[in-house]
Amino acid sequence: MSGFDCGTGWMRRGMWKGNWGFDGAPFWGGSPWRPRGGPRSARGVDQGDLKYVILQLLVEKPRHGYEIIKAIEERFGGAYSPSPGTVYPTLTMLEDMGYARVTPEESGKKVYEITDEGRKYLEDNRSAVDDIFSRITEFAQSIFGEPMMQVHRAMKDVGRAVYVQNTKRTPEQLKRISDILERAASEIGTVV
């Protein structure tokens, strides 16, 4: 597949997560995640929300820290992956609070599981948990739903026209292409 695959392949492989210099944010500008209706966050999940997400994942099954990171990434359709530097301290905090416990494996890896206290805490905060997972689902749908997939296909066509169809263009042709793309970006920016 090319980098402009109209399926989700190019996004899942991480091209839009920074490999083109977009600082980990979707290339159309900043993080699309809006925690609780507030300003755009640099992270996919606010630190305060991460404990609920992790506990909910542990309800589903005990997991290693890496499995938690991958499960969150999967829920976001590959568009966001929390860093180990946020997940592991949160796991430690949940363990200190008595909401999760660790079972070491022979390999030395730690498996985290939710405790009864953690289940109660999660149920006591069910509306917040449901809100978080609703936002995650809404975010994934906004990226991978059919209307946005039409936009992805159009972007694929633009990418193919610019980069694949003819790589030997004159400076004048490249300037014309640049002007067309700048006009398109300006016009798209006015669509609210």
Protein backbone atom coordinates (compact mmCIF):
# COMPACT_ATOMS: atom_id res chain seq x y z
CA MET A 1 0.00 0.00 0.00
CA SER A 2 1.15 3.53 -0.64
CA GLY A 3 1.34 6.18 2.02
CA PHE A 4 -1.90 7.58 0.63
CA ASP A 5 -3.95 4.42 1.02
CA CYS A 6 -7.57 5.51 1.27
CA GLY A 7 -8.25 2.90 3.90
CA THR A 8 -7.11 3.52 7.41
CA GLY A 9 -3.75 1.86 6.70
CA TRP A 10 -1.75 5.06 6.37
CA MET A 11 -3.20 6.41 9.59
CA ARG A 12 -2.75 3.16 11.48
CA ARG A 13 0.89 3.03 10.40
CA GLY A 14 1.34 6.35 12.13
CA MET A 15 2.05 8.71 9.23
CA TRP A 16 -0.29 11.27 10.69
CA LYS A 17 1.06 10.82 14.20
CA GLY A 18 4.22 12.77 13.61
CA ASN A 19 6.23 10.99 10.94
CA TRP A 20 5.70 13.97 8.63
CA GLY A 21 6.55 16.49 11.32
CA PHE A 22 3.07 17.17 12.58
CA ASP A 23 4.05 16.97 16.27
CA GLY A 24 1.82 14.00 17.01
CA ALA A 25 -1.37 15.81 16.08
CA PRO A 26 -3.62 15.11 13.12
CA PHE A 27 -2.21 16.96 10.15
CA TRP A 28 -5.22 19.19 9.72
CA GLY A 29 -4.20 21.06 12.86
CA GLY A 30 -4.00 20.16 16.50
CA SER A 31 -5.56 17.42 18.52
CA PRO A 32 -9.22 16.79 17.73
CA TRP A 33 -9.82 15.58 21.28
CA ARG A 34 -11.88 17.99 23.36
CA PRO A 35 -11.93 16.90 26.98
CA ARG A 36 -15.31 17.68 28.49
CA GLY A 37 -16.01 20.38 25.93
CA GLY A 38 -12.95 22.39 26.93
CA PRO A 39 -10.06 23.62 24.83
CA ARG A 40 -8.14 21.24 22.66
CA SER A 41 -5.86 18.97 24.63
CA ALA A 42 -2.39 17.91 23.57
CA ARG A 43 -3.24 14.43 24.82
CA GLY A 44 -6.00 12.08 23.74
CA VAL A 45 -7.11 11.42 27.31
CA ASP A 46 -6.78 13.90 30.16
CA GLN A 47 -4.67 12.64 33.05
CA GLY A 48 -7.72 12.64 35.35
CA ASP A 49 -9.70 10.58 32.85
CA LEU A 50 -6.94 8.04 32.26
CA LYS A 51 -7.57 6.28 35.58
CA TYR A 52 -11.18 5.58 34.53
CA VAL A 53 -10.11 4.32 31.11
CA ILE A 54 -7.50 2.00 32.62
CA LEU A 55 -9.91 0.66 35.24
CA GLN A 56 -12.55 0.00 32.59
CA LEU A 57 -9.98 -1.90 30.51
CA LEU A 58 -9.01 -3.92 33.58
CA VAL A 59 -12.67 -4.83 34.12
CA GLU A 60 -12.57 -6.44 30.69
CA LYS A 61 -9.47 -8.49 31.58
CA PRO A 62 -6.16 -8.27 33.48
CA ARG A 63 -3.49 -6.66 31.32
CA HIS A 64 0.18 -5.73 31.13
CA GLY A 65 0.95 -2.01 30.94
CA TYR A 66 1.86 -2.37 27.27
CA GLU A 67 -1.47 -4.10 26.59
CA ILE A 68 -3.26 -1.16 28.20
CA ILE A 69 -1.42 1.27 25.95
CA LYS A 70 -2.30 -0.81 22.87
CA ALA A 71 -5.96 -1.18 23.93
CA ILE A 72 -6.30 2.60 24.29
CA GLU A 73 -4.62 3.12 20.93
CA GLU A 74 -7.05 0.62 19.40
CA ARG A 75 -10.08 2.44 20.89
CA PHE A 76 -8.82 5.61 19.20
CA GLY A 77 -8.44 3.81 15.88
CA GLY A 78 -4.67 4.25 16.01
CA ALA A 79 -4.94 8.04 16.20
CA TYR A 80 -3.75 8.35 19.80
CA SER A 81 -1.49 6.26 21.97
CA PRO A 82 -0.74 7.28 25.55
CA SER A 83 2.90 7.35 26.54
CA PRO A 84 4.30 4.87 29.04
CA GLY A 85 5.20 7.96 31.07
CA THR A 86 1.49 8.58 31.68
CA VAL A 87 0.19 5.02 31.85
CA TYR A 88 2.66 3.49 34.31
CA PRO A 89 2.44 6.27 36.93
CA THR A 90 -1.36 6.03 36.69
CA LEU A 91 -1.15 2.27 37.25
CA THR A 92 1.06 2.87 40.29
CA MET A 93 -1.43 5.44 41.60
CA LEU A 94 -4.32 3.00 41.10
CA GLU A 95 -2.34 0.34 42.93
CA ASP A 96 -1.57 2.77 45.80
CA MET A 97 -5.28 3.66 46.02
CA GLY A 98 -6.18 -0.02 46.23
CA TYR A 99 -8.10 0.04 42.92
CA ALA A 100 -5.68 -2.25 41.07
CA ARG A 101 -3.22 -4.94 42.07
CA VAL A 102 -0.16 -6.35 40.40
CA THR A 103 0.63 -9.99 39.86
CA PRO A 104 4.21 -10.54 38.70
CA GLU A 105 4.74 -13.21 36.06
CA GLU A 106 7.73 -15.53 35.89
CA SER A 107 9.07 -13.42 33.02
CA GLY A 108 9.19 -10.42 35.36
CA LYS A 109 6.32 -8.62 33.63
CA LYS A 110 3.57 -7.22 35.79
CA VAL A 111 -0.07 -8.06 35.14
CA TYR A 112 -2.55 -5.53 36.49
CA GLU A 113 -6.06 -6.44 37.55
CA ILE A 114 -8.88 -4.46 39.08
CA THR A 115 -9.76 -4.97 42.74
CA ASP A 116 -13.23 -4.97 44.31
CA GLU A 117 -12.50 -1.44 45.54
CA GLY A 118 -11.61 -0.48 41.97
CA ARG A 119 -14.88 -1.92 40.66
CA LYS A 120 -16.82 0.07 43.28
CA TYR A 121 -14.91 3.26 42.40
CA LEU A 122 -15.64 2.70 38.73
CA GLU A 123 -19.35 2.14 39.38
CA ASP A 124 -19.50 5.19 41.68
CA ASN A 125 -18.14 7.19 38.73
CA ARG A 126 -20.10 5.41 35.99
CA SER A 127 -21.44 8.61 34.39
CA ALA A 128 -17.88 9.99 33.99
CA VAL A 129 -16.68 6.65 32.61
CA ASP A 130 -19.57 6.45 30.13
CA ASP A 131 -18.93 10.06 29.07
CA ILE A 132 -15.24 9.36 28.44
CA PHE A 133 -15.90 6.24 26.37
CA SER A 134 -18.68 8.04 24.50
CA ARG A 135 -16.20 10.78 23.54
CA ILE A 136 -13.66 8.17 22.48
CA THR A 137 -16.25 6.48 20.27
CA GLU A 138 -17.37 9.83 18.85
CA PHE A 139 -13.76 10.75 18.09
CA ALA A 140 -13.09 7.44 16.32
CA GLN A 141 -16.30 7.82 14.31
CA SER A 142 -15.32 11.37 13.30
CA ILE A 143 -12.10 9.98 11.83
CA PHE A 144 -13.27 6.67 10.41
CA GLY A 145 -16.98 7.28 9.71
CA GLU A 146 -18.10 7.31 6.08
CA PRO A 147 -18.31 11.12 5.66
CA MET A 148 -14.71 11.47 6.83
CA MET A 149 -13.65 8.45 4.76
CA GLN A 150 -14.82 10.40 1.69
CA VAL A 151 -12.45 13.19 2.74
CA HIS A 152 -9.65 10.63 3.21
CA ARG A 153 -10.26 9.28 -0.30
CA ALA A 154 -10.13 12.83 -1.70
CA MET A 155 -6.86 13.44 0.17
CA LYS A 156 -5.51 10.21 -1.32
CA ASP A 157 -6.39 11.47 -4.78
CA VAL A 158 -4.67 14.80 -4.11
CA GLY A 159 -1.59 13.00 -2.80
CA ARG A 160 -1.48 10.76 -5.84
CA ALA A 161 -1.88 13.71 -8.21
CA VAL A 162 0.86 15.73 -6.49
CA TYR A 163 3.42 13.04 -5.67
CA VAL A 164 2.83 9.99 -7.81
CA GLN A 165 1.51 10.94 -11.24
CA ASN A 166 4.42 13.06 -12.41
CA THR A 167 7.50 13.69 -10.37
CA LYS A 168 9.37 15.64 -13.08
CA ARG A 169 7.68 19.00 -12.95
CA THR A 170 9.10 22.41 -13.73
CA PRO A 171 9.40 25.08 -11.03
CA GLU A 172 6.50 26.91 -12.70
CA GLN A 173 4.29 23.79 -12.51
CA LEU A 174 5.21 23.28 -8.87
CA LYS A 175 4.37 26.93 -8.11
CA ARG A 176 0.96 26.45 -9.78
CA ILE A 177 0.32 23.30 -7.72
CA SER A 178 1.33 25.14 -4.56
CA ASP A 179 -1.06 28.00 -5.40
CA ILE A 180 -3.93 25.56 -6.02
CA LEU A 181 -3.30 23.79 -2.71
CA GLU A 182 -3.07 27.08 -0.81
CA ARG A 183 -6.40 28.23 -2.33
CA ALA A 184 -7.97 24.89 -1.42
CA ALA A 185 -6.67 25.11 2.15
CA SER A 186 -7.98 28.65 2.47
CA GLU A 187 -11.41 27.65 1.15
CA ILE A 188 -11.56 24.55 3.38
CA GLY A 189 -10.66 26.73 6.34
CA THR A 190 -13.85 28.73 5.83
CA VAL A 191 -16.05 25.63 6.08
CA VAL A 192 -17.45 25.59 9.60
